[in-house]
Amino acid sequence: MFRKRQGIIVWLYSLKHSKHLRKFGNIHYVSKRLKYAVLYCNMEEADVLMKKIASLPFVKKVEPSYRPFLKMEFESKGDGEKEKEQSYKLGYTVE
């Protein structure tokens, strides 16, 4: 139903040309101070697009976003850690 998306970080020499990146995907964010742009494209097309973007004269460096490959399910603190945290706030220690 939904296509897998891949983020691509594009480091630029100048922000003048950031609008030219629209034809490669959806521009999500452009940093004026650090001169980079984040754009999203389909995951199947990401490798081909990264090569095309890297060959442009105004592009310094191209990096993929590793977020789709990271585990985004986090574990909660254990009960023992919560007790220690509460006892620390109250001023006594629990062993």
C-alpha atoms as a PDB file:
ATOM      1  CA  MET A   1       0.000   0.000   0.000  1.00  0.00           C
ATOM      2  CA  PHE A   2       2.644   2.533   1.063  1.00  0.00           C
ATOM      3  CA  ARG A   3       5.977   2.634  -0.702  1.00  0.00           C
ATOM      4  CA  LYS A   4       9.154   2.469   1.335  1.00  0.00           C
ATOM      5  CA  ARG A   5      10.923   5.826   1.396  1.00  0.00           C
ATOM      6  CA  GLN A   6      14.594   6.625   1.775  1.00  0.00           C
ATOM      7  CA  GLY A   7      16.067   9.893   2.998  1.00  0.00           C
ATOM      8  CA  ILE A   8      19.085  11.325   1.196  1.00  0.00           C
ATOM      9  CA  ILE A   9      21.276  14.057   2.688  1.00  0.00           C
ATOM     10  CA  VAL A  10      22.856  16.278   0.034  1.00  0.00           C
ATOM     11  CA  TRP A  11      25.705  18.614   1.043  1.00  0.00           C
ATOM     12  CA  LEU A  12      25.870  21.673  -1.229  1.00  0.00           C
ATOM     13  CA  TYR A  13      28.494  24.270  -2.100  1.00  0.00           C
ATOM     14  CA  SER A  14      25.818  26.929  -2.522  1.00  0.00           C
ATOM     15  CA  LEU A  15      22.118  27.025  -1.652  1.00  0.00           C
ATOM     16  CA  LYS A  16      21.251  28.730  -4.952  1.00  0.00           C
ATOM     17  CA  HIS A  17      20.917  25.354  -6.598  1.00  0.00           C
ATOM     18  CA  SER A  18      18.819  23.656  -3.908  1.00  0.00           C
ATOM     19  CA  LYS A  19      15.662  24.078  -6.002  1.00  0.00           C
ATOM     20  CA  HIS A  20      17.189  21.897  -8.739  1.00  0.00           C
ATOM     21  CA  LEU A  21      16.939  18.942  -6.352  1.00  0.00           C
ATOM     22  CA  ARG A  22      13.125  18.953  -6.621  1.00  0.00           C
ATOM     23  CA  LYS A  23      13.198  16.771  -9.726  1.00  0.00           C
ATOM     24  CA  PHE A  24      14.910  13.967  -7.771  1.00  0.00           C
ATOM     25  CA  GLY A  25      12.399  13.719  -4.903  1.00  0.00           C
ATOM     26  CA  ASN A  26      10.548  15.589  -2.187  1.00  0.00           C
ATOM     27  CA  ILE A  27      12.693  18.174  -0.410  1.00  0.00           C
ATOM     28  CA  HIS A  28      12.004  17.855   3.301  1.00  0.00           C
ATOM     29  CA  TYR A  29      14.465  20.340   4.813  1.00  0.00           C
ATOM     30  CA  VAL A  30      17.170  22.789   3.726  1.00  0.00           C
ATOM     31  CA  SER A  31      19.717  24.079   6.247  1.00  0.00           C
ATOM     32  CA  LYS A  32      20.999  27.528   5.373  1.00  0.00           C
ATOM     33  CA  ARG A  33      23.755  27.562   7.955  1.00  0.00           C
ATOM     34  CA  LEU A  34      25.225  24.112   7.289  1.00  0.00           C
ATOM     35  CA  LYS A  35      24.353  24.076   3.553  1.00  0.00           C
ATOM     36  CA  TYR A  36      22.655  20.718   3.235  1.00  0.00           C
ATOM     37  CA  ALA A  37      19.283  19.459   2.049  1.00  0.00           C
ATOM     38  CA  VAL A  38      17.273  16.393   3.051  1.00  0.00           C
ATOM     39  CA  LEU A  39      15.138  14.859   0.353  1.00  0.00           C
ATOM     40  CA  TYR A  40      13.016  11.729   0.216  1.00  0.00           C
ATOM     41  CA  CYS A  41      12.619   9.319  -2.688  1.00  0.00           C
ATOM     42  CA  ASN A  42      11.464   5.735  -3.222  1.00  0.00           C
ATOM     43  CA  MET A  43      13.807   3.193  -1.668  1.00  0.00           C
ATOM     44  CA  GLU A  44      14.213   1.263  -4.938  1.00  0.00           C
ATOM     45  CA  GLU A  45      15.437   4.373  -6.758  1.00  0.00           C
ATOM     46  CA  ALA A  46      17.713   5.672  -3.988  1.00  0.00           C
ATOM     47  CA  ASP A  47      21.038   4.235  -5.224  1.00  0.00           C
ATOM     48  CA  VAL A  48      20.535   5.442  -8.794  1.00  0.00           C
ATOM     49  CA  LEU A  49      19.443   8.894  -7.633  1.00  0.00           C
ATOM     50  CA  MET A  50      22.403   9.214  -5.268  1.00  0.00           C
ATOM     51  CA  LYS A  51      24.807   8.629  -8.171  1.00  0.00           C
ATOM     52  CA  LYS A  52      22.985  11.161 -10.350  1.00  0.00           C
ATOM     53  CA  ILE A  53      22.915  13.773  -7.591  1.00  0.00           C
ATOM     54  CA  ALA A  54      26.594  13.225  -6.730  1.00  0.00           C
ATOM     55  CA  SER A  55      27.565  13.953 -10.334  1.00  0.00           C
ATOM     56  CA  LEU A  56      26.011  17.448 -10.223  1.00  0.00           C
ATOM     57  CA  PRO A  57      28.592  20.275 -10.067  1.00  0.00           C
ATOM     58  CA  PHE A  58      27.023  22.088  -7.090  1.00  0.00           C
ATOM     59  CA  VAL A  59      26.959  18.986  -4.842  1.00  0.00           C
ATOM     60  CA  LYS A  60      29.748  18.460  -2.332  1.00  0.00           C
ATOM     61  CA  LYS A  61      28.721  15.074  -0.881  1.00  0.00           C
ATOM     62  CA  VAL A  62      25.706  12.713  -0.821  1.00  0.00           C
ATOM     63  CA  GLU A  63      24.822  10.427   2.098  1.00  0.00           C
ATOM     64  CA  PRO A  64      21.927   8.022   2.668  1.00  0.00           C
ATOM     65  CA  SER A  65      19.808   8.262   5.796  1.00  0.00           C
ATOM     66  CA  TYR A  66      20.143   5.160   7.955  1.00  0.00           C
ATOM     67  CA  ARG A  67      16.857   5.654   9.788  1.00  0.00           C
ATOM     68  CA  PRO A  68      14.920   2.934   7.862  1.00  0.00           C
ATOM     69  CA  PHE A  69      17.555   0.404   8.925  1.00  0.00           C
ATOM     70  CA  LEU A  70      17.543   1.290  12.642  1.00  0.00           C
ATOM     71  CA  LYS A  71      15.431  -0.467  15.246  1.00  0.00           C
ATOM     72  CA  MET A  72      12.900   2.108  16.462  1.00  0.00           C
ATOM     73  CA  GLU A  73      11.376  -0.004  19.273  1.00  0.00           C
ATOM     74  CA  PHE A  74      12.866   0.953  22.609  1.00  0.00           C
ATOM     75  CA  GLU A  75      12.693  -0.899  25.904  1.00  0.00           C
ATOM     76  CA  SER A  76      11.390   0.793  29.016  1.00  0.00           C
ATOM     77  CA  LYS A  77      13.334   1.053  32.246  1.00  0.00           C
ATOM     78  CA  GLY A  78      13.234  -1.977  34.526  1.00  0.00           C
ATOM     79  CA  ASP A  79      11.417  -1.869  37.876  1.00  0.00           C
ATOM     80  CA  GLY A  80      14.709  -1.892  39.802  1.00  0.00           C
ATOM     81  CA  GLU A  81      15.943   1.197  38.030  1.00  0.00           C
ATOM     82  CA  LYS A  82      12.704   3.033  38.788  1.00  0.00           C
ATOM     83  CA  GLU A  83      13.078   2.240  42.508  1.00  0.00           C
ATOM     84  CA  LYS A  84      16.645   3.537  42.551  1.00  0.00           C
ATOM     85  CA  GLU A  85      15.575   6.671  40.733  1.00  0.00           C
ATOM     86  CA  GLN A  86      12.726   7.329  43.192  1.00  0.00           C
ATOM     87  CA  SER A  87      14.904   6.644  46.243  1.00  0.00           C
ATOM     88  CA  TYR A  88      17.525   9.046  44.923  1.00  0.00           C
ATOM     89  CA  LYS A  89      14.901  11.769  44.685  1.00  0.00           C
ATOM     90  CA  LEU A  90      13.749  11.086  48.268  1.00  0.00           C
ATOM     91  CA  GLY A  91      17.276  11.049  49.700  1.00  0.00           C
ATOM     92  CA  TYR A  92      17.930   7.430  50.687  1.00  0.00           C
ATOM     93  CA  THR A  93      19.534   4.472  48.912  1.00  0.00           C
ATOM     94  CA  VAL A  94      17.995   1.112  48.030  1.00  0.00           C
ATOM     95  CA  GLU A  95      20.198  -1.926  47.551  1.00  0.00           C
END
